[in-house]
Amino acid sequence: MSEKGADFLNPYKKPEFLQLVVALELVLLAAFLFCLTPVGRSLQTVAPAEQEEQKKYIKWVDFTVTKDAMYKAFRYDVDTCQKELHLNWIQLLAYLGAKYGGDFFKYRASDMETLVSELQDGQTMEELTKDMKYYSYYLEAYTAVLGGMVGEFEIQVPKEENSNEKDPEKVWVRKYGLKAFSPIAKYFPYEDYDDFGASRSYGYKRQHLGHDMMGQVGTPIIAVESGYVEAIGWNQYGGWRLGIRSFDKKRYYYYAHLRKNYPYHKSLKEGSVVQAGDVIGYMGRTGYSQTENTNNIEVSHLHFGLQLIFDESQKEGNNEIWIDCYELVKFLELNRSETVKDQETKEYNRVYEMRESGT
């Protein structure tokens, strides 16, 4: 062996020998770990917190759009539905939402009129909103609230103006317009005020995340939007309550404190499909008790709530989004479902049936 080779193998002669041994050990260790790992699979995984961060969806909505703003935008939409430029009411409201920073106390009818004039003069909504950082947010948020309320539908109407009111002869007509309804049946009185966020103390201190509509026990309660029954039964806070999910799953309508002994329309069960305007139950004062079918609410009323769901993780828990429905309910006064009482069963049913376009 040459002197050079002997020097290389002599650990006391050259420090490079130790470096070589360490390097060989690292290579062997890496090979061993690779054998324990499925071929082609990365050792790096995304932490749950990082996965949640990557899943982006709206976490909060403060819906302050006024009845007047909704009505004006709605009229523009309906009045242009057969024109070349069909104005979209939600886009109009989203533009103003971005302009006002979501605060519709700043609303001026002239602002919407100016926007409509610019659109009718040939400018596009994309051009008008290109510098509005949050327009897309308000468009998605307001669509989640209002998306199922205006469009094409078919509904029965009296064949003649002077037809028998108790059993009118009816015909089906196709319409474009407001296809959502007030939660209270036509001709039944109620009182309300903006009580969203008020303090509640039964069970634990919390905010009131709904809208109370005071009226008489037995008042027919109406499905605001078409959908399916997702929850039905007793809850110690809401008493006899009903939850209806919109078909696009963005909205969950909550109707609570329904009547003792006979809270729901007899046709309903979990999974039932309801049409907007159907009778779904009856006003009462049940709730605030762990004992089923208990009247423990002082004043008979409907607790009406609207929850927005952008991701299914928001359905229950600390991330729920409930909106103030006061202005929305005032807007829905435009469309109240007329009902008639069956004297044999004592059940109320709608007078004029409706069906969604395409169903």
Protein backbone atom coordinates (compact mmCIF):
# COMPACT_ATOMS: atom_id res chain seq x y z
CA MET A 1 0.00 0.00 0.00
CA SER A 2 1.33 3.43 -0.86
CA GLU A 3 2.17 5.94 1.82
CA LYS A 4 -0.67 8.12 0.58
CA GLY A 5 -3.19 5.29 0.97
CA ALA A 6 -1.89 4.41 4.43
CA ASP A 7 -2.16 8.00 5.56
CA PHE A 8 -5.76 8.15 4.33
CA LEU A 9 -6.82 5.09 6.35
CA ASN A 10 -4.98 6.17 9.48
CA PRO A 11 -7.53 7.99 11.68
CA TYR A 12 -4.79 9.52 13.76
CA LYS A 13 -3.01 10.81 10.73
CA LYS A 14 -5.79 12.69 8.87
CA PRO A 15 -9.02 14.34 10.25
CA GLU A 16 -10.72 13.66 6.87
CA PHE A 17 -11.17 10.02 7.97
CA LEU A 18 -13.58 10.98 10.75
CA GLN A 19 -15.51 13.22 8.40
CA LEU A 20 -15.88 10.34 5.93
CA VAL A 21 -17.18 7.98 8.63
CA VAL A 22 -19.79 10.51 9.79
CA ALA A 23 -20.92 11.11 6.21
CA LEU A 24 -21.31 7.36 5.57
CA GLU A 25 -23.41 6.98 8.74
CA LEU A 26 -25.73 9.80 7.67
CA VAL A 27 -26.22 8.20 4.24
CA LEU A 28 -27.07 4.82 5.80
CA LEU A 29 -29.53 6.45 8.24
CA ALA A 30 -31.28 8.30 5.42
CA ALA A 31 -31.57 5.07 3.41
CA PHE A 32 -33.06 3.26 6.42
CA LEU A 33 -35.69 5.97 6.94
CA PHE A 34 -36.58 5.92 3.25
CA CYS A 35 -37.24 2.17 3.43
CA LEU A 36 -39.71 2.75 6.25
CA THR A 37 -41.57 5.35 4.20
CA PRO A 38 -44.02 4.44 1.37
CA VAL A 39 -42.32 5.13 -1.94
CA GLY A 40 -43.34 8.45 -3.47
CA ARG A 41 -44.92 9.82 -0.28
CA SER A 42 -43.57 13.05 1.18
CA LEU A 43 -42.63 13.03 4.86
CA GLN A 44 -44.01 16.56 5.19
CA THR A 45 -47.70 16.87 6.11
CA VAL A 46 -49.91 19.95 6.46
CA ALA A 47 -50.87 20.68 10.05
CA PRO A 48 -54.63 20.86 10.80
CA ALA A 49 -54.34 24.57 11.58
CA GLU A 50 -52.70 25.19 8.21
CA GLN A 51 -55.41 23.16 6.46
CA GLU A 52 -58.09 25.31 8.13
CA GLU A 53 -56.25 28.46 7.08
CA GLN A 54 -56.15 27.24 3.47
CA LYS A 55 -59.94 26.68 3.47
CA LYS A 56 -61.23 30.19 2.91
CA TYR A 57 -64.85 31.17 3.41
CA ILE A 58 -66.77 34.12 4.88
CA LYS A 59 -66.65 34.13 8.68
CA TRP A 60 -68.91 37.08 9.47
CA VAL A 61 -71.77 39.09 7.93
CA ASP A 62 -73.38 42.23 9.34
CA PHE A 63 -76.52 42.68 7.24
CA THR A 64 -77.72 46.28 7.57
CA VAL A 65 -79.46 46.70 4.20
CA THR A 66 -82.66 48.69 4.74
CA LYS A 67 -86.14 47.83 3.51
CA ASP A 68 -86.14 50.93 1.28
CA ALA A 69 -82.85 49.96 -0.37
CA MET A 70 -84.05 46.38 -0.92
CA TYR A 71 -87.33 47.55 -2.38
CA LYS A 72 -85.74 50.04 -4.77
CA ALA A 73 -83.18 47.49 -6.00
CA PHE A 74 -85.92 44.87 -6.32
CA ARG A 75 -88.05 47.20 -8.47
CA TYR A 76 -85.10 47.87 -10.80
CA ASP A 77 -84.57 44.11 -11.14
CA VAL A 78 -88.21 43.25 -11.86
CA ASP A 79 -88.82 46.23 -14.14
CA THR A 80 -85.84 45.29 -16.36
CA CYS A 81 -86.25 41.50 -16.34
CA GLN A 82 -87.33 41.45 -20.00
CA LYS A 83 -84.97 44.15 -21.22
CA GLU A 84 -81.57 43.76 -22.84
CA LEU A 85 -79.91 45.14 -19.70
CA HIS A 86 -81.41 43.20 -16.81
CA LEU A 87 -80.33 44.86 -13.58
CA ASN A 88 -79.51 42.45 -10.77
CA TRP A 89 -80.84 43.68 -7.42
CA ILE A 90 -78.17 41.91 -5.36
CA GLN A 91 -75.38 43.42 -7.46
CA LEU A 92 -76.86 46.89 -6.96
CA LEU A 93 -76.97 46.35 -3.18
CA ALA A 94 -73.46 44.86 -3.12
CA TYR A 95 -72.10 47.93 -4.92
CA LEU A 96 -73.66 50.20 -2.29
CA GLY A 97 -72.45 47.87 0.47
CA ALA A 98 -68.89 48.28 -0.78
CA LYS A 99 -69.40 52.04 -1.14
CA TYR A 100 -70.75 52.42 2.41
CA GLY A 101 -68.45 49.92 4.07
CA GLY A 102 -71.52 47.82 4.84
CA ASP A 103 -73.27 50.62 6.75
CA PHE A 104 -76.65 51.26 5.11
CA PHE A 105 -77.43 54.05 7.54
CA LYS A 106 -75.51 56.01 4.89
CA TYR A 107 -77.98 54.93 2.20
CA ARG A 108 -79.26 57.53 -0.23
CA ALA A 109 -81.68 56.62 -3.00
CA SER A 110 -79.75 58.97 -5.30
CA ASP A 111 -76.67 56.74 -4.98
CA MET A 112 -78.56 53.80 -6.46
CA GLU A 113 -80.08 56.00 -9.14
CA THR A 114 -76.61 57.21 -10.16
CA LEU A 115 -75.34 53.62 -10.33
CA VAL A 116 -78.27 52.53 -12.49
CA SER A 117 -77.77 55.52 -14.79
CA GLU A 118 -74.09 54.61 -15.28
CA LEU A 119 -75.01 50.99 -16.08
CA GLN A 120 -77.69 52.07 -18.53
CA ASP A 121 -75.18 54.41 -20.20
CA GLY A 122 -73.02 51.40 -21.08
CA GLN A 123 -70.60 50.94 -18.21
CA THR A 124 -70.33 47.45 -16.77
CA MET A 125 -70.43 46.46 -13.13
CA GLU A 126 -66.92 45.05 -13.53
CA GLU A 127 -65.66 48.47 -14.66
CA LEU A 128 -67.48 50.32 -11.89
CA THR A 129 -66.20 48.01 -9.15
CA LYS A 130 -62.61 47.39 -10.30
CA ASP A 131 -61.25 49.64 -7.55
CA MET A 132 -63.69 48.42 -4.88
CA LYS A 133 -61.63 46.02 -2.78
CA TYR A 134 -64.59 44.48 -0.97
CA TYR A 135 -67.25 44.36 -3.69
CA SER A 136 -66.80 40.60 -4.17
CA TYR A 137 -67.24 40.06 -0.43
CA TYR A 138 -70.51 41.99 -0.29
CA LEU A 139 -71.76 40.27 -3.44
CA GLU A 140 -71.17 36.84 -1.90
CA ALA A 141 -72.54 37.87 1.50
CA TYR A 142 -75.71 39.51 0.16
CA THR A 143 -76.27 36.63 -2.27
CA ALA A 144 -76.17 34.29 0.71
CA VAL A 145 -78.96 36.32 2.35
CA LEU A 146 -81.13 37.17 -0.66
CA GLY A 147 -80.17 34.63 -3.32
CA GLY A 148 -83.36 32.56 -3.15
CA MET A 149 -85.88 35.37 -2.96
CA VAL A 150 -86.29 36.77 -6.48
CA GLY A 151 -86.66 34.88 -9.74
CA GLU A 152 -89.03 32.94 -11.96
CA PHE A 153 -91.85 30.88 -10.48
CA GLU A 154 -95.35 29.64 -11.16
CA ILE A 155 -98.29 30.46 -8.91
CA GLN A 156 -102.04 30.08 -8.85
CA VAL A 157 -104.22 33.20 -9.16
CA PRO A 158 -108.02 33.67 -9.24
CA LYS A 159 -109.44 33.02 -12.69
CA GLU A 160 -111.82 35.92 -12.21
CA GLU A 161 -111.74 38.90 -9.88
CA ASN A 162 -115.15 38.06 -8.40
CA SER A 163 -114.56 34.34 -7.88
CA ASN A 164 -115.69 32.64 -4.67
CA GLU A 165 -113.23 33.70 -1.96
CA LYS A 166 -113.62 30.43 -0.02
CA ASP A 167 -113.10 28.22 -3.05
CA PRO A 168 -111.87 30.41 -5.90
CA GLU A 169 -111.45 29.02 -9.36
CA LYS A 170 -107.73 29.20 -10.06
CA VAL A 171 -105.32 29.20 -12.96
CA TRP A 172 -101.54 28.81 -13.06
CA VAL A 173 -99.46 31.77 -14.27
CA ARG A 174 -95.73 32.18 -14.77
CA LYS A 175 -94.14 35.17 -13.07
CA TYR A 176 -90.84 36.85 -12.33
CA GLY A 177 -90.59 38.63 -9.02
CA LEU A 178 -90.55 38.11 -5.26
CA LYS A 179 -90.95 34.42 -4.52
CA ALA A 180 -90.16 34.60 -0.80
CA PHE A 181 -92.87 35.26 1.78
CA SER A 182 -93.40 36.93 5.12
CA PRO A 183 -93.23 34.41 8.00
CA ILE A 184 -96.74 35.46 9.12
CA ALA A 185 -99.84 34.53 7.07
CA LYS A 186 -101.85 37.22 5.31
CA TYR A 187 -104.55 39.02 7.33
CA PHE A 188 -103.08 37.89 10.68
CA PRO A 189 -101.85 40.85 12.78
CA TYR A 190 -98.51 40.99 14.55
CA GLU A 191 -96.19 43.50 16.19
CA ASP A 192 -92.42 43.63 16.14
CA TYR A 193 -89.39 45.83 16.69
CA ASP A 194 -85.66 45.50 16.12
CA ASP A 195 -84.64 43.26 19.03
CA PHE A 196 -81.63 41.54 17.45
CA GLY A 197 -78.72 41.36 19.89
CA ALA A 198 -80.84 42.02 22.99
CA SER A 199 -79.82 40.22 26.17
CA ARG A 200 -81.30 36.83 27.08
CA SER A 201 -80.64 35.01 30.37
CA TYR A 202 -82.49 31.67 30.36
CA GLY A 203 -79.92 28.90 30.74
CA TYR A 204 -77.01 31.30 30.32
CA LYS A 205 -76.46 34.93 29.43
CA ARG A 206 -76.44 35.41 25.67
CA GLN A 207 -77.53 37.63 22.79
CA HIS A 208 -80.88 37.26 21.05
CA LEU A 209 -79.95 36.09 17.55
CA GLY A 210 -83.37 36.31 15.95
CA HIS A 211 -86.40 38.47 15.35
CA ASP A 212 -89.52 38.21 17.54
CA MET A 213 -92.96 38.72 15.97
CA MET A 214 -95.74 38.99 18.58
CA GLY A 215 -99.23 37.80 17.72
CA GLN A 216 -102.07 35.47 18.65
CA VAL A 217 -101.63 31.81 19.55
CA GLY A 218 -102.52 29.71 16.51
CA THR A 219 -101.48 32.28 13.90
CA PRO A 220 -100.33 30.32 10.82
CA ILE A 221 -96.56 30.43 10.31
CA ILE A 222 -95.32 30.48 6.72
CA ALA A 223 -92.21 29.08 5.01
CA VAL A 224 -90.22 32.11 3.84
CA GLU A 225 -88.31 30.18 1.18
CA SER A 226 -88.57 26.77 -0.43
CA GLY A 227 -86.35 24.08 1.04
CA TYR A 228 -86.41 20.97 3.19
CA VAL A 229 -87.05 20.34 6.88
CA GLU A 230 -83.70 19.81 8.55
CA ALA A 231 -84.82 19.96 12.20
CA ILE A 232 -88.18 19.42 13.87
CA GLY A 233 -89.02 18.78 17.50
CA TRP A 234 -88.42 20.07 21.02
CA ASN A 235 -85.60 22.31 22.17
CA GLN A 236 -85.50 23.68 25.72
CA TYR A 237 -84.73 27.20 24.47
CA GLY A 238 -86.96 27.38 21.38
CA GLY A 239 -89.68 25.01 22.56
CA TRP A 240 -91.35 23.36 19.60
CA ARG A 241 -89.15 24.58 16.77
CA LEU A 242 -88.61 23.98 13.08
CA GLY A 243 -85.50 24.41 10.94
CA ILE A 244 -85.75 24.66 7.14
CA ARG A 245 -82.65 24.63 4.92
CA SER A 246 -82.68 26.32 1.53
CA PHE A 247 -81.98 24.09 -1.46
CA ASP A 248 -78.60 25.75 -2.04
CA LYS A 249 -77.80 25.10 1.66
CA LYS A 250 -76.72 28.70 2.22
CA ARG A 251 -79.66 29.62 4.48
CA TYR A 252 -81.15 27.98 7.56
CA TYR A 253 -84.53 29.37 8.62
CA TYR A 254 -85.39 28.89 12.29
CA TYR A 255 -88.98 29.11 13.58
CA ALA A 256 -89.40 28.72 17.36
CA HIS A 257 -91.88 28.87 20.28
CA LEU A 258 -94.59 27.14 18.25
CA ARG A 259 -97.97 26.18 19.68
CA LYS A 260 -98.41 23.71 22.52
CA ASN A 261 -99.97 20.35 21.57
CA TYR A 262 -100.24 21.17 17.85
CA PRO A 263 -97.09 23.05 16.78
CA TYR A 264 -96.62 21.91 13.17
CA HIS A 265 -98.60 21.36 10.02
CA LYS A 266 -99.47 17.66 10.09
CA SER A 267 -97.73 17.01 6.74
CA LEU A 268 -94.26 17.85 8.05
CA LYS A 269 -91.48 15.56 9.18
CA GLU A 270 -87.69 15.64 8.96
CA GLY A 271 -86.71 15.68 5.29
CA SER A 272 -90.05 17.04 4.04
CA VAL A 273 -89.82 19.43 1.09
CA VAL A 274 -91.71 22.69 1.55
CA GLN A 275 -92.57 25.41 -0.93
CA ALA A 276 -92.25 29.08 -0.09
CA GLY A 277 -95.64 30.24 1.19
CA ASP A 278 -96.66 26.88 2.70
CA VAL A 279 -98.17 26.75 6.18
CA ILE A 280 -95.56 25.03 8.35
CA GLY A 281 -96.80 25.60 11.90
CA TYR A 282 -98.63 27.78 14.39
CA MET A 283 -97.57 30.57 16.72
CA GLY A 284 -97.35 29.75 20.42
CA ARG A 285 -95.28 30.35 23.52
CA THR A 286 -93.50 27.06 24.21
CA GLY A 287 -89.93 26.86 25.43
CA TYR A 288 -87.57 27.83 28.25
CA SER A 289 -88.08 24.42 29.81
CA GLN A 290 -86.43 21.01 29.75
CA THR A 291 -89.91 19.50 29.98
CA GLU A 292 -91.36 18.90 26.53
CA ASN A 293 -94.56 20.69 25.45
CA THR A 294 -94.31 23.36 28.15
CA ASN A 295 -95.59 26.94 27.84
CA ASN A 296 -92.98 29.01 29.64
CA ILE A 297 -92.79 32.07 27.40
CA GLU A 298 -94.79 35.03 28.72
CA VAL A 299 -95.92 36.52 25.40
CA SER A 300 -96.97 34.42 22.42
CA HIS A 301 -94.70 35.14 19.49
CA LEU A 302 -92.70 33.66 16.65
CA HIS A 303 -88.93 33.70 17.03
CA PHE A 304 -87.73 33.93 13.43
CA GLY A 305 -84.04 33.46 12.73
CA LEU A 306 -81.89 33.33 9.60
CA GLN A 307 -78.48 31.67 9.71
CA LEU A 308 -75.96 31.91 6.87
CA ILE A 309 -73.78 28.89 6.12
CA PHE A 310 -70.74 29.28 3.84
CA ASP A 311 -69.08 26.11 5.15
CA GLU A 312 -70.75 23.19 6.93
CA SER A 313 -68.46 23.71 9.93
CA GLN A 314 -70.47 26.89 10.63
CA LYS A 315 -73.78 25.06 11.08
CA GLU A 316 -73.34 24.51 14.82
CA GLY A 317 -70.85 25.90 17.32
CA ASN A 318 -69.04 29.15 17.94
CA ASN A 319 -68.76 30.10 14.26
CA GLU A 320 -72.49 30.46 13.52
CA ILE A 321 -73.60 33.51 11.51
CA TRP A 322 -77.06 34.85 12.37
CA ILE A 323 -78.25 38.09 10.79
CA ASP A 324 -80.60 40.86 11.89
CA CYS A 325 -83.88 40.13 10.05
CA TYR A 326 -85.84 43.24 11.04
CA GLU A 327 -85.47 45.14 7.75
CA LEU A 328 -85.77 41.93 5.74
CA VAL A 329 -89.08 41.06 7.41
CA LYS A 330 -90.39 44.55 6.60
CA PHE A 331 -89.42 44.01 2.97
CA LEU A 332 -91.15 40.60 2.90
CA GLU A 333 -94.42 42.31 3.90
CA LEU A 334 -94.79 42.75 0.13
CA ASN A 335 -95.68 39.06 -0.13
CA ARG A 336 -97.89 37.39 2.50
CA SER A 337 -99.39 33.97 1.89
CA GLU A 338 -103.17 33.79 2.06
CA THR A 339 -104.52 30.82 4.03
CA VAL A 340 -107.83 29.08 4.64
CA LYS A 341 -108.91 26.93 7.59
CA ASP A 342 -110.18 23.39 7.08
CA GLN A 343 -113.17 23.25 9.43
CA GLU A 344 -112.94 19.48 9.80
CA THR A 345 -109.25 19.16 10.63
CA LYS A 346 -108.80 22.74 11.97
CA GLU A 347 -105.62 22.85 9.86
CA TYR A 348 -104.69 25.95 7.84
CA ASN A 349 -103.53 25.58 4.24
CA ARG A 350 -102.44 28.08 1.65
CA VAL A 351 -105.07 29.26 -0.84
CA TYR A 352 -102.78 29.67 -3.86
CA GLU A 353 -100.15 27.01 -4.57
CA MET A 354 -96.71 27.94 -5.90
CA ARG A 355 -93.94 25.97 -7.54
CA GLU A 356 -90.37 26.92 -8.27
CA SER A 357 -89.45 27.34 -11.92
CA GLY A 358 -88.12 24.06 -13.32
CA THR A 359 -89.62 21.82 -10.62
